[in-house]
């Protein structure tokens, strides 16, 4: 038995899909490793008193099988504080894993479940060890789609986990954390970045609230948060090298990392790659006439 604190686990109930089967396996693994308890989403909707108490007393882990995110929506509906969350289909895609159509998990599905449970346990252990322990890393490089207008070239990441706002900010979601920054279109519109004001670590931010500011040769612009949460890290390199935003606003020039509080709700007001890319092209065409 692990010495980690017992958790409360809220999984989706989509057992008619292989991804739902993986969430069930992850939930059981977490319950066994921590002495935690699984919250039945069906029972939770009709009799929530006991589950509300468990979710308040223990760190809550929310497990979604697919992008519908039924478990996350239920947690938001109940007003629960989420410590960790993941979506199985997104995690499988990150690992290059294709789940079988069969409802019975094969060796690949079981292996994925064990890997996801281990990652959640490791992240929880790192969090409890304090701020000196580095958080789970974000990818160093992304895959890009480009759009050219005359001599100007604009890049947009197409990786799973990226989302965008209509006013040209991005968020990359990695489990219960997210990294935030300006899009390539916005940084080129601002021109040379001269100074960056970073948000205080530990501060809370609401979706579309202010998350620092960027001063360029043209203007001072607020950084608008695409998601709500708590600032857990900032890109300190920008204090001495603000030009990193111009060099690459995604890999080098990110602004802050946020511990998410209600991404299921925030997601409804964000665009994925397919939704934002046409917006980018329209703005570029209007801007460069």
C-alpha atoms as a PDB file:
ATOM      1  CA  UNK A   1       0.000   0.000   0.000  1.00  0.00           C
ATOM      2  CA  UNK A   2       1.322   3.415  -0.924  1.00  0.00           C
ATOM      3  CA  UNK A   3       1.953   6.026   1.777  1.00  0.00           C
ATOM      4  CA  UNK A   4       0.337   8.649  -0.458  1.00  0.00           C
ATOM      5  CA  UNK A   5      -2.759  10.393   0.799  1.00  0.00           C
ATOM      6  CA  UNK A   6      -6.008   8.592  -0.168  1.00  0.00           C
ATOM      7  CA  UNK A   7      -7.746  10.257  -3.087  1.00  0.00           C
ATOM      8  CA  UNK A   8     -11.305  10.553  -4.329  1.00  0.00           C
ATOM      9  CA  UNK A   9     -11.631   9.410  -7.952  1.00  0.00           C
ATOM     10  CA  UNK A  10     -14.418  10.538 -10.272  1.00  0.00           C
ATOM     11  CA  UNK A  11     -14.284   8.530 -13.537  1.00  0.00           C
ATOM     12  CA  UNK A  12     -16.569   8.725 -16.528  1.00  0.00           C
ATOM     13  CA  UNK A  13     -19.038   5.867 -16.944  1.00  0.00           C
ATOM     14  CA  UNK A  14     -18.550   5.407 -20.706  1.00  0.00           C
ATOM     15  CA  UNK A  15     -17.870   1.700 -20.564  1.00  0.00           C
ATOM     16  CA  UNK A  16     -19.333   1.261 -24.037  1.00  0.00           C
ATOM     17  CA  UNK A  17     -16.007   2.589 -25.366  1.00  0.00           C
ATOM     18  CA  UNK A  18     -12.492   1.270 -24.913  1.00  0.00           C
ATOM     19  CA  UNK A  19     -11.419   4.645 -23.471  1.00  0.00           C
ATOM     20  CA  UNK A  20     -14.071   4.266 -20.777  1.00  0.00           C
ATOM     21  CA  UNK A  21     -12.629   0.884 -19.902  1.00  0.00           C
ATOM     22  CA  UNK A  22      -9.214   2.490 -19.487  1.00  0.00           C
ATOM     23  CA  UNK A  23     -10.631   5.103 -17.097  1.00  0.00           C
ATOM     24  CA  UNK A  24     -12.110   2.293 -15.014  1.00  0.00           C
ATOM     25  CA  UNK A  25      -8.725   0.565 -14.817  1.00  0.00           C
ATOM     26  CA  UNK A  26      -6.966   3.820 -13.913  1.00  0.00           C
ATOM     27  CA  UNK A  27      -9.559   4.499 -11.212  1.00  0.00           C
ATOM     28  CA  UNK A  28      -9.117   1.041  -9.687  1.00  0.00           C
ATOM     29  CA  UNK A  29      -5.325   1.353  -9.795  1.00  0.00           C
ATOM     30  CA  UNK A  30      -5.435   4.713  -7.995  1.00  0.00           C
ATOM     31  CA  UNK A  31      -7.881   3.391  -5.417  1.00  0.00           C
ATOM     32  CA  UNK A  32      -5.681   0.370  -4.697  1.00  0.00           C
ATOM     33  CA  UNK A  33      -2.417   2.333  -4.593  1.00  0.00           C
ATOM     34  CA  UNK A  34      -3.669   5.123  -2.322  1.00  0.00           C
ATOM     35  CA  UNK A  35      -6.489   3.476  -0.379  1.00  0.00           C
ATOM     36  CA  UNK A  36      -8.780   5.923  -2.131  1.00  0.00           C
ATOM     37  CA  UNK A  37     -12.421   5.666  -3.100  1.00  0.00           C
ATOM     38  CA  UNK A  38     -14.151   5.755  -6.475  1.00  0.00           C
ATOM     39  CA  UNK A  39     -17.162   8.060  -6.825  1.00  0.00           C
ATOM     40  CA  UNK A  40     -19.886   6.547  -8.986  1.00  0.00           C
ATOM     41  CA  UNK A  41     -21.023   9.303 -11.409  1.00  0.00           C
ATOM     42  CA  UNK A  42     -24.515   7.827 -11.745  1.00  0.00           C
ATOM     43  CA  UNK A  43     -25.105   7.591  -7.999  1.00  0.00           C
ATOM     44  CA  UNK A  44     -23.507  11.007  -7.505  1.00  0.00           C
ATOM     45  CA  UNK A  45     -26.273  12.679  -9.519  1.00  0.00           C
ATOM     46  CA  UNK A  46     -29.046  11.363  -7.294  1.00  0.00           C
ATOM     47  CA  UNK A  47     -27.453  11.224  -3.818  1.00  0.00           C
ATOM     48  CA  UNK A  48     -24.420  13.469  -3.493  1.00  0.00           C
ATOM     49  CA  UNK A  49     -24.063  14.156   0.261  1.00  0.00           C
ATOM     50  CA  UNK A  50     -21.466  11.445   0.994  1.00  0.00           C
ATOM     51  CA  UNK A  51     -19.541  12.040  -2.219  1.00  0.00           C
ATOM     52  CA  UNK A  52     -19.438  15.789  -1.586  1.00  0.00           C
ATOM     53  CA  UNK A  53     -17.827  15.089   1.772  1.00  0.00           C
ATOM     54  CA  UNK A  54     -15.241  12.734   0.251  1.00  0.00           C
ATOM     55  CA  UNK A  55     -14.405  15.196  -2.514  1.00  0.00           C
ATOM     56  CA  UNK A  56     -13.939  17.956   0.066  1.00  0.00           C
ATOM     57  CA  UNK A  57     -11.756  15.840   2.371  1.00  0.00           C
ATOM     58  CA  UNK A  58      -9.505  14.248  -0.236  1.00  0.00           C
ATOM     59  CA  UNK A  59      -7.653  15.349  -3.388  1.00  0.00           C
ATOM     60  CA  UNK A  60     -10.055  14.779  -6.280  1.00  0.00           C
ATOM     61  CA  UNK A  61      -8.871  13.043  -9.455  1.00  0.00           C
ATOM     62  CA  UNK A  62     -11.197  13.401 -12.455  1.00  0.00           C
ATOM     63  CA  UNK A  63     -10.853  10.819 -15.242  1.00  0.00           C
ATOM     64  CA  UNK A  64     -12.520  11.392 -18.612  1.00  0.00           C
ATOM     65  CA  UNK A  65     -12.519   8.795 -21.346  1.00  0.00           C
ATOM     66  CA  UNK A  66     -13.203  10.992 -24.386  1.00  0.00           C
ATOM     67  CA  UNK A  67     -13.458  14.700 -25.317  1.00  0.00           C
ATOM     68  CA  UNK A  68     -17.091  14.789 -24.147  1.00  0.00           C
ATOM     69  CA  UNK A  69     -15.582  15.022 -20.630  1.00  0.00           C
ATOM     70  CA  UNK A  70     -18.653  13.848 -18.728  1.00  0.00           C
ATOM     71  CA  UNK A  71     -16.734  13.472 -15.466  1.00  0.00           C
ATOM     72  CA  UNK A  72     -15.258  16.982 -15.711  1.00  0.00           C
ATOM     73  CA  UNK A  73     -18.687  18.439 -16.413  1.00  0.00           C
ATOM     74  CA  UNK A  74     -20.138  16.635 -13.395  1.00  0.00           C
ATOM     75  CA  UNK A  75     -17.313  17.964 -11.195  1.00  0.00           C
ATOM     76  CA  UNK A  76     -18.018  21.482 -12.456  1.00  0.00           C
ATOM     77  CA  UNK A  77     -21.754  21.026 -11.892  1.00  0.00           C
ATOM     78  CA  UNK A  78     -21.109  20.000  -8.280  1.00  0.00           C
ATOM     79  CA  UNK A  79     -18.637  22.847  -7.731  1.00  0.00           C
ATOM     80  CA  UNK A  80     -15.785  20.502  -6.837  1.00  0.00           C
ATOM     81  CA  UNK A  81     -12.131  21.470  -6.511  1.00  0.00           C
ATOM     82  CA  UNK A  82     -10.134  19.254  -8.856  1.00  0.00           C
ATOM     83  CA  UNK A  83      -6.579  18.283  -7.926  1.00  0.00           C
ATOM     84  CA  UNK A  84      -5.773  16.261 -11.063  1.00  0.00           C
ATOM     85  CA  UNK A  85      -7.540  15.399 -14.284  1.00  0.00           C
ATOM     86  CA  UNK A  86      -6.875  13.695 -17.579  1.00  0.00           C
ATOM     87  CA  UNK A  87      -8.663  12.587 -20.748  1.00  0.00           C
ATOM     88  CA  UNK A  88      -7.735   9.075 -21.893  1.00  0.00           C
ATOM     89  CA  UNK A  89      -8.116   9.669 -25.635  1.00  0.00           C
ATOM     90  CA  UNK A  90      -5.834  12.719 -25.477  1.00  0.00           C
ATOM     91  CA  UNK A  91      -3.227  10.865 -23.419  1.00  0.00           C
ATOM     92  CA  UNK A  92      -3.346   7.903 -25.815  1.00  0.00           C
ATOM     93  CA  UNK A  93      -2.784  10.224 -28.779  1.00  0.00           C
ATOM     94  CA  UNK A  94       0.186  11.902 -27.069  1.00  0.00           C
ATOM     95  CA  UNK A  95       1.756   8.462 -26.639  1.00  0.00           C
ATOM     96  CA  UNK A  96       0.953   7.333 -30.174  1.00  0.00           C
ATOM     97  CA  UNK A  97      -1.376   4.612 -28.883  1.00  0.00           C
ATOM     98  CA  UNK A  98      -4.465   3.480 -30.799  1.00  0.00           C
ATOM     99  CA  UNK A  99      -7.066   1.834 -28.588  1.00  0.00           C
ATOM    100  CA  UNK A 100      -8.801  -1.256 -29.888  1.00  0.00           C
ATOM    101  CA  UNK A 101     -12.529  -1.232 -30.675  1.00  0.00           C
ATOM    102  CA  UNK A 102     -13.177  -4.142 -28.321  1.00  0.00           C
ATOM    103  CA  UNK A 103     -14.847  -3.347 -25.004  1.00  0.00           C
ATOM    104  CA  UNK A 104     -12.524  -5.810 -23.287  1.00  0.00           C
ATOM    105  CA  UNK A 105      -9.159  -4.152 -22.773  1.00  0.00           C
ATOM    106  CA  UNK A 106      -6.254  -5.735 -24.553  1.00  0.00           C
ATOM    107  CA  UNK A 107      -2.643  -5.625 -23.406  1.00  0.00           C
ATOM    108  CA  UNK A 108      -2.204  -2.157 -24.902  1.00  0.00           C
ATOM    109  CA  UNK A 109      -5.207  -0.763 -23.048  1.00  0.00           C
ATOM    110  CA  UNK A 110      -4.126  -2.266 -19.752  1.00  0.00           C
ATOM    111  CA  UNK A 111      -0.605  -0.967 -20.252  1.00  0.00           C
ATOM    112  CA  UNK A 112      -1.916   2.529 -20.942  1.00  0.00           C
ATOM    113  CA  UNK A 113      -4.061   2.408 -17.812  1.00  0.00           C
ATOM    114  CA  UNK A 114      -1.074   1.474 -15.639  1.00  0.00           C
ATOM    115  CA  UNK A 115       1.060   4.187 -17.238  1.00  0.00           C
ATOM    116  CA  UNK A 116      -1.581   6.860 -16.664  1.00  0.00           C
ATOM    117  CA  UNK A 117      -2.109   5.820 -13.055  1.00  0.00           C
ATOM    118  CA  UNK A 118       1.644   5.879 -12.446  1.00  0.00           C
ATOM    119  CA  UNK A 119       1.909   9.368 -13.989  1.00  0.00           C
ATOM    120  CA  UNK A 120      -0.883  10.687 -11.770  1.00  0.00           C
ATOM    121  CA  UNK A 121       0.715   9.193  -8.661  1.00  0.00           C
ATOM    122  CA  UNK A 122       4.109  10.607  -9.587  1.00  0.00           C
ATOM    123  CA  UNK A 123       2.658  14.073 -10.193  1.00  0.00           C
ATOM    124  CA  UNK A 124       0.816  13.964  -6.862  1.00  0.00           C
ATOM    125  CA  UNK A 125       4.005  12.942  -5.052  1.00  0.00           C
ATOM    126  CA  UNK A 126       5.942  15.776  -6.706  1.00  0.00           C
ATOM    127  CA  UNK A 127       3.246  18.273  -5.754  1.00  0.00           C
ATOM    128  CA  UNK A 128       3.225  17.161  -2.113  1.00  0.00           C
ATOM    129  CA  UNK A 129       7.027  17.416  -1.995  1.00  0.00           C
ATOM    130  CA  UNK A 130       6.771  21.175  -2.422  1.00  0.00           C
ATOM    131  CA  UNK A 131       7.707  23.818  -4.987  1.00  0.00           C
ATOM    132  CA  UNK A 132      11.357  22.722  -5.170  1.00  0.00           C
ATOM    133  CA  UNK A 133      10.267  19.703  -7.196  1.00  0.00           C
ATOM    134  CA  UNK A 134       9.949  20.491 -10.884  1.00  0.00           C
ATOM    135  CA  UNK A 135       6.476  19.958 -12.405  1.00  0.00           C
ATOM    136  CA  UNK A 136       5.881  17.572 -15.260  1.00  0.00           C
ATOM    137  CA  UNK A 137       7.528  18.994 -18.347  1.00  0.00           C
ATOM    138  CA  UNK A 138       5.850  20.373 -21.435  1.00  0.00           C
ATOM    139  CA  UNK A 139       6.983  19.344 -24.921  1.00  0.00           C
ATOM    140  CA  UNK A 140      10.048  21.230 -26.131  1.00  0.00           C
ATOM    141  CA  UNK A 141       8.888  21.284 -29.743  1.00  0.00           C
ATOM    142  CA  UNK A 142       5.532  21.362 -31.504  1.00  0.00           C
ATOM    143  CA  UNK A 143       4.180  20.568 -34.962  1.00  0.00           C
ATOM    144  CA  UNK A 144       3.102  23.638 -36.904  1.00  0.00           C
ATOM    145  CA  UNK A 145       0.792  24.593 -39.715  1.00  0.00           C
ATOM    146  CA  UNK A 146       1.858  27.748 -41.534  1.00  0.00           C
ATOM    147  CA  UNK A 147       0.066  30.490 -43.440  1.00  0.00           C
ATOM    148  CA  UNK A 148       1.958  32.903 -45.677  1.00  0.00           C
ATOM    149  CA  UNK A 149       0.889  36.350 -46.833  1.00  0.00           C
ATOM    150  CA  UNK A 150       3.426  38.078 -49.063  1.00  0.00           C
ATOM    151  CA  UNK A 151       6.706  37.980 -47.107  1.00  0.00           C
ATOM    152  CA  UNK A 152       5.005  37.274 -43.767  1.00  0.00           C
ATOM    153  CA  UNK A 153       4.818  33.729 -42.401  1.00  0.00           C
ATOM    154  CA  UNK A 154       2.572  32.790 -39.474  1.00  0.00           C
ATOM    155  CA  UNK A 155       2.829  29.550 -37.494  1.00  0.00           C
ATOM    156  CA  UNK A 156       0.159  27.785 -35.506  1.00  0.00           C
ATOM    157  CA  UNK A 157       0.672  24.625 -33.414  1.00  0.00           C
ATOM    158  CA  UNK A 158      -1.613  21.759 -34.384  1.00  0.00           C
ATOM    159  CA  UNK A 159      -0.777  19.445 -31.469  1.00  0.00           C
ATOM    160  CA  UNK A 160      -3.582  17.963 -29.403  1.00  0.00           C
ATOM    161  CA  UNK A 161      -3.944  20.026 -26.226  1.00  0.00           C
ATOM    162  CA  UNK A 162      -3.656  23.448 -27.853  1.00  0.00           C
ATOM    163  CA  UNK A 163      -6.590  25.877 -27.697  1.00  0.00           C
ATOM    164  CA  UNK A 164      -6.960  29.513 -28.730  1.00  0.00           C
ATOM    165  CA  UNK A 165      -9.018  32.600 -28.007  1.00  0.00           C
ATOM    166  CA  UNK A 166     -10.583  34.913 -30.553  1.00  0.00           C
ATOM    167  CA  UNK A 167      -8.222  37.668 -29.350  1.00  0.00           C
ATOM    168  CA  UNK A 168      -5.126  35.619 -30.243  1.00  0.00           C
ATOM    169  CA  UNK A 169      -3.885  33.985 -27.051  1.00  0.00           C
ATOM    170  CA  UNK A 170      -3.129  30.287 -26.702  1.00  0.00           C
ATOM    171  CA  UNK A 171      -3.235  27.679 -23.953  1.00  0.00           C
ATOM    172  CA  UNK A 172      -1.615  24.250 -24.002  1.00  0.00           C
ATOM    173  CA  UNK A 173      -3.241  21.849 -21.537  1.00  0.00           C
ATOM    174  CA  UNK A 174      -1.065  19.183 -19.927  1.00  0.00           C
ATOM    175  CA  UNK A 175      -3.087  17.226 -17.367  1.00  0.00           C
ATOM    176  CA  UNK A 176      -4.255  19.599 -14.660  1.00  0.00           C
ATOM    177  CA  UNK A 177      -1.827  22.318 -15.727  1.00  0.00           C
ATOM    178  CA  UNK A 178      -1.727  24.649 -18.687  1.00  0.00           C
ATOM    179  CA  UNK A 179       0.849  26.897 -20.304  1.00  0.00           C
ATOM    180  CA  UNK A 180      -0.317  30.257 -21.700  1.00  0.00           C
ATOM    181  CA  UNK A 181       1.059  32.728 -24.222  1.00  0.00           C
ATOM    182  CA  UNK A 182       0.586  34.937 -27.286  1.00  0.00           C
ATOM    183  CA  UNK A 183       0.030  33.552 -30.774  1.00  0.00           C
ATOM    184  CA  UNK A 184       2.491  34.138 -33.584  1.00  0.00           C
ATOM    185  CA  UNK A 185      -0.018  36.482 -35.223  1.00  0.00           C
ATOM    186  CA  UNK A 186      -0.261  38.637 -32.116  1.00  0.00           C
ATOM    187  CA  UNK A 187       3.473  38.890 -31.510  1.00  0.00           C
ATOM    188  CA  UNK A 188       4.058  39.905 -35.134  1.00  0.00           C
ATOM    189  CA  UNK A 189       1.271  42.476 -34.864  1.00  0.00           C
ATOM    190  CA  UNK A 190       2.905  43.965 -31.753  1.00  0.00           C
ATOM    191  CA  UNK A 191       6.363  44.052 -33.370  1.00  0.00           C
ATOM    192  CA  UNK A 192       9.504  43.976 -31.177  1.00  0.00           C
ATOM    193  CA  UNK A 193       8.709  43.075 -27.560  1.00  0.00           C
ATOM    194  CA  UNK A 194      10.685  45.298 -25.170  1.00  0.00           C
ATOM    195  CA  UNK A 195       9.382  44.407 -21.712  1.00  0.00           C
ATOM    196  CA  UNK A 196       7.204  41.737 -20.092  1.00  0.00           C
ATOM    197  CA  UNK A 197       5.337  42.032 -16.783  1.00  0.00           C
ATOM    198  CA  UNK A 198       4.789  38.545 -15.421  1.00  0.00           C
ATOM    199  CA  UNK A 199       1.895  37.660 -13.081  1.00  0.00           C
ATOM    200  CA  UNK A 200       2.718  36.851  -9.428  1.00  0.00           C
ATOM    201  CA  UNK A 201       3.150  33.157  -8.708  1.00  0.00           C
ATOM    202  CA  UNK A 202       0.291  32.030  -6.487  1.00  0.00           C
ATOM    203  CA  UNK A 203      -2.175  34.574  -7.844  1.00  0.00           C
ATOM    204  CA  UNK A 204      -5.614  33.496  -9.053  1.00  0.00           C
ATOM    205  CA  UNK A 205      -6.912  34.410 -12.487  1.00  0.00           C
ATOM    206  CA  UNK A 206     -10.314  34.095 -14.114  1.00  0.00           C
ATOM    207  CA  UNK A 207     -10.832  33.170 -17.736  1.00  0.00           C
ATOM    208  CA  UNK A 208     -10.278  36.323 -19.845  1.00  0.00           C
ATOM    209  CA  UNK A 209      -8.767  38.108 -16.847  1.00  0.00           C
ATOM    210  CA  UNK A 210      -5.393  39.875 -16.897  1.00  0.00           C
ATOM    211  CA  UNK A 211      -2.282  37.708 -16.739  1.00  0.00           C
ATOM    212  CA  UNK A 212       0.498  40.269 -16.935  1.00  0.00           C
ATOM    213  CA  UNK A 213       1.346  42.565 -19.831  1.00  0.00           C
ATOM    214  CA  UNK A 214       3.657  42.888 -22.816  1.00  0.00           C
ATOM    215  CA  UNK A 215       5.240  46.173 -23.902  1.00  0.00           C
ATOM    216  CA  UNK A 216       6.338  46.441 -27.508  1.00  0.00           C
ATOM    217  CA  UNK A 217       7.590  49.165 -29.813  1.00  0.00           C
ATOM    218  CA  UNK A 218       3.951  49.832 -30.712  1.00  0.00           C
ATOM    219  CA  UNK A 219       1.941  49.492 -27.493  1.00  0.00           C
ATOM    220  CA  UNK A 220       1.466  47.995 -24.036  1.00  0.00           C
ATOM    221  CA  UNK A 221      -0.940  45.060 -24.223  1.00  0.00           C
ATOM    222  CA  UNK A 222      -2.541  43.015 -21.472  1.00  0.00           C
ATOM    223  CA  UNK A 223      -2.026  39.265 -21.550  1.00  0.00           C
ATOM    224  CA  UNK A 224      -5.539  37.819 -21.456  1.00  0.00           C
ATOM    225  CA  UNK A 225      -5.865  34.456 -19.699  1.00  0.00           C
ATOM    226  CA  UNK A 226      -7.576  31.826 -21.871  1.00  0.00           C
ATOM    227  CA  UNK A 227      -8.352  29.753 -18.755  1.00  0.00           C
ATOM    228  CA  UNK A 228      -9.066  30.207 -15.067  1.00  0.00           C
ATOM    229  CA  UNK A 229      -6.763  28.894 -12.377  1.00  0.00           C
ATOM    230  CA  UNK A 230      -3.814  29.590 -10.102  1.00  0.00           C
ATOM    231  CA  UNK A 231      -0.442  30.763 -11.409  1.00  0.00           C
ATOM    232  CA  UNK A 232       2.122  28.127 -10.434  1.00  0.00           C
ATOM    233  CA  UNK A 233       5.083  29.173 -12.604  1.00  0.00           C
ATOM    234  CA  UNK A 234       6.203  32.004 -14.887  1.00  0.00           C
ATOM    235  CA  UNK A 235       8.764  32.224 -17.681  1.00  0.00           C
ATOM    236  CA  UNK A 236      11.482  34.092 -15.783  1.00  0.00           C
ATOM    237  CA  UNK A 237      13.676  34.145 -18.891  1.00  0.00           C
ATOM    238  CA  UNK A 238      11.410  36.838 -20.348  1.00  0.00           C
ATOM    239  CA  UNK A 239      12.528  39.361 -17.720  1.00  0.00           C
ATOM    240  CA  UNK A 240      15.983  39.531 -19.295  1.00  0.00           C
ATOM    241  CA  UNK A 241      15.163  38.297 -22.801  1.00  0.00           C
ATOM    242  CA  UNK A 242      11.665  39.503 -23.795  1.00  0.00           C
ATOM    243  CA  UNK A 243      12.615  38.973 -27.450  1.00  0.00           C
ATOM    244  CA  UNK A 244      12.013  35.258 -26.899  1.00  0.00           C
ATOM    245  CA  UNK A 245       8.338  36.013 -27.568  1.00  0.00           C
ATOM    246  CA  UNK A 246       9.255  37.277 -31.039  1.00  0.00           C
ATOM    247  CA  UNK A 247      11.603  34.365 -31.671  1.00  0.00           C
ATOM    248  CA  UNK A 248       9.020  31.712 -30.802  1.00  0.00           C
ATOM    249  CA  UNK A 249       5.945  32.619 -28.729  1.00  0.00           C
ATOM    250  CA  UNK A 250       5.061  28.943 -28.176  1.00  0.00           C
ATOM    251  CA  UNK A 251       8.273  27.127 -27.269  1.00  0.00           C
ATOM    252  CA  UNK A 252      10.421  29.936 -25.838  1.00  0.00           C
ATOM    253  CA  UNK A 253       8.057  32.819 -25.208  1.00  0.00           C
ATOM    254  CA  UNK A 254       5.285  31.317 -23.097  1.00  0.00           C
ATOM    255  CA  UNK A 255       4.112  33.594 -20.268  1.00  0.00           C
ATOM    256  CA  UNK A 256       2.882  31.482 -17.358  1.00  0.00           C
ATOM    257  CA  UNK A 257       1.760  28.073 -16.178  1.00  0.00           C
ATOM    258  CA  UNK A 258      -1.615  27.769 -14.499  1.00  0.00           C
ATOM    259  CA  UNK A 259      -3.123  25.069 -12.299  1.00  0.00           C
ATOM    260  CA  UNK A 260      -6.546  24.665 -13.883  1.00  0.00           C
ATOM    261  CA  UNK A 261      -9.695  25.102 -11.810  1.00  0.00           C
ATOM    262  CA  UNK A 262     -12.493  24.487 -14.311  1.00  0.00           C
ATOM    263  CA  UNK A 263     -11.183  23.683 -17.765  1.00  0.00           C
ATOM    264  CA  UNK A 264     -14.350  21.808 -18.754  1.00  0.00           C
ATOM    265  CA  UNK A 265     -16.264  25.085 -18.551  1.00  0.00           C
ATOM    266  CA  UNK A 266     -13.438  27.234 -19.930  1.00  0.00           C
ATOM    267  CA  UNK A 267     -13.123  24.946 -22.949  1.00  0.00           C
ATOM    268  CA  UNK A 268     -16.575  25.952 -24.171  1.00  0.00           C
ATOM    269  CA  UNK A 269     -15.259  29.438 -25.003  1.00  0.00           C
ATOM    270  CA  UNK A 270     -12.029  28.316 -26.678  1.00  0.00           C
ATOM    271  CA  UNK A 271     -11.208  27.294 -30.237  1.00  0.00           C
ATOM    272  CA  UNK A 272      -9.170  24.255 -31.225  1.00  0.00           C
ATOM    273  CA  UNK A 273      -6.786  24.274 -34.184  1.00  0.00           C
ATOM    274  CA  UNK A 274      -9.553  23.627 -36.718  1.00  0.00           C
ATOM    275  CA  UNK A 275     -11.629  26.467 -35.294  1.00  0.00           C
ATOM    276  CA  UNK A 276      -8.862  29.045 -34.926  1.00  0.00           C
ATOM    277  CA  UNK A 277      -6.861  28.517 -38.127  1.00  0.00           C
ATOM    278  CA  UNK A 278      -9.571  30.117 -40.337  1.00  0.00           C
ATOM    279  CA  UNK A 279      -9.696  33.027 -37.868  1.00  0.00           C
ATOM    280  CA  UNK A 280      -5.936  33.453 -38.193  1.00  0.00           C
ATOM    281  CA  UNK A 281      -6.091  33.449 -42.003  1.00  0.00           C
ATOM    282  CA  UNK A 282      -8.915  35.998 -42.027  1.00  0.00           C
ATOM    283  CA  UNK A 283      -7.025  38.331 -39.671  1.00  0.00           C
ATOM    284  CA  UNK A 284      -3.817  38.016 -41.650  1.00  0.00           C
ATOM    285  CA  UNK A 285      -5.643  38.806 -44.900  1.00  0.00           C
ATOM    286  CA  UNK A 286      -7.304  41.851 -43.324  1.00  0.00           C
ATOM    287  CA  UNK A 287      -4.132  43.030 -41.585  1.00  0.00           C
ATOM    288  CA  UNK A 288      -1.839  42.764 -44.607  1.00  0.00           C
ATOM    289  CA  UNK A 289      -3.813  44.511 -47.356  1.00  0.00           C
END
